[in-house]
C-alpha cells in the first residue's frame, strides 16, 4: 500500500517518483505511466497515492538499480 508518508520519505531522498504500470504484459509491466504520450515528472501526491505501483526515475533521482 502506498502511503503519504512513503511519498514524503522518498521525496526527502530526492527521488523523482512516477506511477508505473502493473501488468501481465511484460512489455508494459513496470513501465512509467505517461501523460499525453510523454514521461511526466511532476505527479501530485494524490496521483501517486492512487497508483498501483511507484517507481523512481534513476538518472533524475541520481540512483542506481542493480539486479542480481
Protein backbone atom coordinates (compact mmCIF):
# COMPACT_ATOMS: atom_id res chain seq x y z
CA UNK A 1 0.00 0.00 0.00
CA UNK A 2 1.32 3.42 -0.95
CA UNK A 3 1.05 6.00 1.82
CA UNK A 4 1.60 9.73 2.00
CA UNK A 5 4.45 9.04 4.43
CA UNK A 6 6.15 6.78 1.84
CA UNK A 7 5.92 9.52 -0.77
CA UNK A 8 7.27 12.17 1.60
CA UNK A 9 10.17 9.92 2.64
CA UNK A 10 11.13 9.13 -0.96
CA UNK A 11 10.97 12.80 -1.86
CA UNK A 12 13.27 13.62 1.09
CA UNK A 13 15.75 11.26 -0.58
CA UNK A 14 15.30 13.39 -3.75
CA UNK A 15 13.65 10.54 -5.65
CA UNK A 16 11.72 11.68 -8.72
CA UNK A 17 8.64 9.46 -8.41
CA UNK A 18 6.26 8.19 -11.05
CA UNK A 19 3.39 5.72 -11.12
CA UNK A 20 4.33 2.58 -13.02
CA UNK A 21 2.16 0.00 -14.73
CA UNK A 22 1.34 -3.33 -13.12
CA UNK A 23 0.53 -5.71 -15.94
CA UNK A 24 0.84 -9.31 -17.04
CA UNK A 25 2.20 -7.96 -20.33
CA UNK A 26 6.00 -7.98 -19.82
CA UNK A 27 6.44 -5.08 -22.24
CA UNK A 28 4.12 -2.87 -20.19
CA UNK A 29 4.81 -4.15 -16.66
CA UNK A 30 6.89 -1.72 -14.56
CA UNK A 31 6.91 0.89 -17.35
CA UNK A 32 6.28 4.51 -16.27
CA UNK A 33 2.76 5.85 -16.71
CA UNK A 34 2.66 8.57 -19.39
CA UNK A 35 0.76 11.84 -19.60
CA UNK A 36 -0.09 12.94 -23.13
CA UNK A 37 2.24 10.25 -24.50
CA UNK A 38 5.32 11.53 -22.64
CA UNK A 39 7.05 10.72 -19.39
CA UNK A 40 5.87 13.03 -16.64
CA UNK A 41 7.97 14.12 -13.67
CA UNK A 42 5.68 16.31 -11.52
CA UNK A 43 2.98 13.98 -10.19
CA UNK A 44 0.80 15.19 -7.34
CA UNK A 45 0.64 13.25 -4.09
CA UNK A 46 -2.94 12.28 -4.91
CA UNK A 47 -1.92 10.87 -8.31
CA UNK A 48 0.88 8.88 -6.68
CA UNK A 49 -1.41 7.65 -3.89
CA UNK A 50 -3.89 6.29 -6.44
CA UNK A 51 -1.20 4.32 -8.29
CA UNK A 52 -0.86 0.54 -8.05
CA UNK A 53 2.92 0.77 -8.04
CA UNK A 54 5.56 3.51 -7.78
CA UNK A 55 8.92 3.88 -9.43
CA UNK A 56 11.71 6.42 -9.49
CA UNK A 57 13.48 7.87 -12.49
CA UNK A 58 17.03 6.68 -11.87
CA UNK A 59 19.02 9.36 -13.67
CA UNK A 60 16.90 12.22 -12.33
CA UNK A 61 16.98 10.74 -8.81
CA UNK A 62 20.72 10.06 -9.06
CA UNK A 63 20.26 6.43 -8.04
CA UNK A 64 21.37 3.07 -9.44
CA UNK A 65 19.42 -0.17 -9.60
CA UNK A 66 21.34 -3.42 -9.62
CA UNK A 67 19.70 -6.79 -10.25
CA UNK A 68 21.46 -9.95 -9.11
